[in-house]
Amino acid sequence: MPTLEETTKLSKDLRFTILGRAIADAVRAGKNPSVLVEEARLIRHQEQNAADKNTRFAALTRQVGDAAWSGQDLNDLLERLRSLRQIEIGD
């Protein structure tokens, strides 16, 4: 049974596959694919933003783990995590 991560990747790939076929069909039919191309751009942009946030969260969390492991002060790192989360949820 596929994991949640595998299912999510498959659904993202399927979304781009369907959109790519629609773009190709529009071009083949001599129609302007600009609306579809814009949708692909927006989806990719959202995907990149999510990846960037995930990377920042992961990096900060690793730093928290390292600091905790070595007995360092966590306050600055915890504040950075809180701030990142606050930005993410718009609070």
C-alpha atoms as a PDB file:
ATOM      1  CA  MET A   1       0.000   0.000   0.000  1.00  0.00           C
ATOM      2  CA  PRO A   2       1.461   3.400  -0.946  1.00  0.00           C
ATOM      3  CA  THR A   3       2.435   5.797   1.790  1.00  0.00           C
ATOM      4  CA  LEU A   4       0.917   9.260   2.108  1.00  0.00           C
ATOM      5  CA  GLU A   5       4.114  10.731   0.649  1.00  0.00           C
ATOM      6  CA  GLU A   6       3.952   8.428  -2.381  1.00  0.00           C
ATOM      7  CA  THR A   7       0.260   9.176  -2.902  1.00  0.00           C
ATOM      8  CA  THR A   8       0.878  12.921  -2.709  1.00  0.00           C
ATOM      9  CA  LYS A   9       3.724  12.703  -5.238  1.00  0.00           C
ATOM     10  CA  LEU A  10       1.585  10.636  -7.593  1.00  0.00           C
ATOM     11  CA  SER A  11      -1.281  13.121  -7.404  1.00  0.00           C
ATOM     12  CA  LYS A  12       1.076  16.047  -8.085  1.00  0.00           C
ATOM     13  CA  ASP A  13       2.597  14.195 -11.032  1.00  0.00           C
ATOM     14  CA  LEU A  14      -0.847  13.362 -12.356  1.00  0.00           C
ATOM     15  CA  ARG A  15      -1.905  16.999 -12.105  1.00  0.00           C
ATOM     16  CA  PHE A  16       1.094  18.103 -14.182  1.00  0.00           C
ATOM     17  CA  THR A  17       0.580  15.231 -16.626  1.00  0.00           C
ATOM     18  CA  ILE A  18      -3.028  16.216 -17.284  1.00  0.00           C
ATOM     19  CA  LEU A  19      -2.094  19.875 -17.604  1.00  0.00           C
ATOM     20  CA  GLY A  20       0.769  19.022 -19.963  1.00  0.00           C
ATOM     21  CA  ARG A  21      -1.535  17.019 -22.185  1.00  0.00           C
ATOM     22  CA  ALA A  22      -4.043  19.881 -22.237  1.00  0.00           C
ATOM     23  CA  ILE A  23      -1.288  22.301 -23.263  1.00  0.00           C
ATOM     24  CA  ALA A  24      -0.111  19.942 -26.001  1.00  0.00           C
ATOM     25  CA  ASP A  25      -3.685  19.459 -27.256  1.00  0.00           C
ATOM     26  CA  ALA A  26      -4.274  23.214 -27.337  1.00  0.00           C
ATOM     27  CA  VAL A  27      -1.085  23.779 -29.344  1.00  0.00           C
ATOM     28  CA  ARG A  28      -1.938  20.896 -31.663  1.00  0.00           C
ATOM     29  CA  ALA A  29      -5.384  22.411 -32.270  1.00  0.00           C
ATOM     30  CA  GLY A  30      -3.854  25.802 -33.040  1.00  0.00           C
ATOM     31  CA  LYS A  31      -5.299  27.391 -29.887  1.00  0.00           C
ATOM     32  CA  ASN A  32      -3.546  29.715 -27.479  1.00  0.00           C
ATOM     33  CA  PRO A  33      -2.417  27.715 -24.413  1.00  0.00           C
ATOM     34  CA  SER A  34      -1.575  30.825 -22.357  1.00  0.00           C
ATOM     35  CA  VAL A  35      -4.220  30.154 -19.680  1.00  0.00           C
ATOM     36  CA  LEU A  36      -2.950  26.603 -19.242  1.00  0.00           C
ATOM     37  CA  VAL A  37       0.671  27.735 -19.228  1.00  0.00           C
ATOM     38  CA  GLU A  38      -0.178  30.301 -16.534  1.00  0.00           C
ATOM     39  CA  GLU A  39      -1.836  27.570 -14.476  1.00  0.00           C
ATOM     40  CA  ALA A  40       1.303  25.438 -14.789  1.00  0.00           C
ATOM     41  CA  ARG A  41       3.411  28.410 -13.694  1.00  0.00           C
ATOM     42  CA  LEU A  42       1.214  29.061 -10.660  1.00  0.00           C
ATOM     43  CA  ILE A  43       1.128  25.419  -9.598  1.00  0.00           C
ATOM     44  CA  ARG A  44       4.902  25.147  -9.906  1.00  0.00           C
ATOM     45  CA  HIS A  45       5.383  28.377  -7.953  1.00  0.00           C
ATOM     46  CA  GLN A  46       3.147  27.084  -5.141  1.00  0.00           C
ATOM     47  CA  GLU A  47       5.023  23.804  -5.149  1.00  0.00           C
ATOM     48  CA  GLN A  48       8.386  25.593  -4.857  1.00  0.00           C
ATOM     49  CA  ASN A  49       7.136  27.836  -2.042  1.00  0.00           C
ATOM     50  CA  ALA A  50       5.945  24.805  -0.101  1.00  0.00           C
ATOM     51  CA  ALA A  51       9.284  23.059  -0.655  1.00  0.00           C
ATOM     52  CA  ASP A  52      11.165  26.150   0.524  1.00  0.00           C
ATOM     53  CA  LYS A  53       9.075  26.327   3.715  1.00  0.00           C
ATOM     54  CA  ASN A  54       9.533  22.622   4.352  1.00  0.00           C
ATOM     55  CA  THR A  55      13.278  22.969   3.885  1.00  0.00           C
ATOM     56  CA  ARG A  56      13.448  25.906   6.323  1.00  0.00           C
ATOM     57  CA  PHE A  57      11.377  24.060   8.930  1.00  0.00           C
ATOM     58  CA  ALA A  58      13.496  20.941   8.551  1.00  0.00           C
ATOM     59  CA  ALA A  59      16.761  22.872   8.805  1.00  0.00           C
ATOM     60  CA  LEU A  60      15.660  24.781  11.894  1.00  0.00           C
ATOM     61  CA  THR A  61      14.328  21.644  13.540  1.00  0.00           C
ATOM     62  CA  ARG A  62      17.627  19.875  12.915  1.00  0.00           C
ATOM     63  CA  GLN A  63      19.416  22.828  14.505  1.00  0.00           C
ATOM     64  CA  VAL A  64      17.095  22.571  17.527  1.00  0.00           C
ATOM     65  CA  GLY A  65      17.939  18.890  17.825  1.00  0.00           C
ATOM     66  CA  ASP A  66      21.664  19.583  17.535  1.00  0.00           C
ATOM     67  CA  ALA A  67      21.480  22.379  20.104  1.00  0.00           C
ATOM     68  CA  ALA A  68      19.489  20.238  22.511  1.00  0.00           C
ATOM     69  CA  TRP A  69      21.922  17.363  22.043  1.00  0.00           C
ATOM     70  CA  SER A  70      24.895  19.571  22.861  1.00  0.00           C
ATOM     71  CA  GLY A  71      23.174  21.445  25.699  1.00  0.00           C
ATOM     72  CA  GLN A  72      23.106  24.830  23.943  1.00  0.00           C
ATOM     73  CA  ASP A  73      20.497  27.521  24.488  1.00  0.00           C
ATOM     74  CA  LEU A  74      17.391  26.895  22.359  1.00  0.00           C
ATOM     75  CA  ASN A  75      15.641  30.240  22.764  1.00  0.00           C
ATOM     76  CA  ASP A  76      16.823  31.845  19.515  1.00  0.00           C
ATOM     77  CA  LEU A  77      16.075  28.747  17.459  1.00  0.00           C
ATOM     78  CA  LEU A  78      12.650  28.306  19.046  1.00  0.00           C
ATOM     79  CA  GLU A  79      11.834  31.943  18.323  1.00  0.00           C
ATOM     80  CA  ARG A  80      12.875  31.469  14.694  1.00  0.00           C
ATOM     81  CA  LEU A  81      10.652  28.384  14.407  1.00  0.00           C
ATOM     82  CA  ARG A  82       7.745  30.250  16.009  1.00  0.00           C
ATOM     83  CA  SER A  83       8.239  33.175  13.649  1.00  0.00           C
ATOM     84  CA  LEU A  84       8.379  30.931  10.582  1.00  0.00           C
ATOM     85  CA  ARG A  85       5.187  29.184  11.665  1.00  0.00           C
ATOM     86  CA  GLN A  86       3.500  32.523  12.361  1.00  0.00           C
ATOM     87  CA  ILE A  87       4.318  33.684   8.829  1.00  0.00           C
ATOM     88  CA  GLU A  88       3.046  30.391   7.411  1.00  0.00           C
ATOM     89  CA  ILE A  89      -0.355  30.551   9.097  1.00  0.00           C
ATOM     90  CA  GLY A  90      -0.694  34.320   8.721  1.00  0.00           C
ATOM     91  CA  ASP A  91      -1.055  34.968  12.420  1.00  0.00           C
END
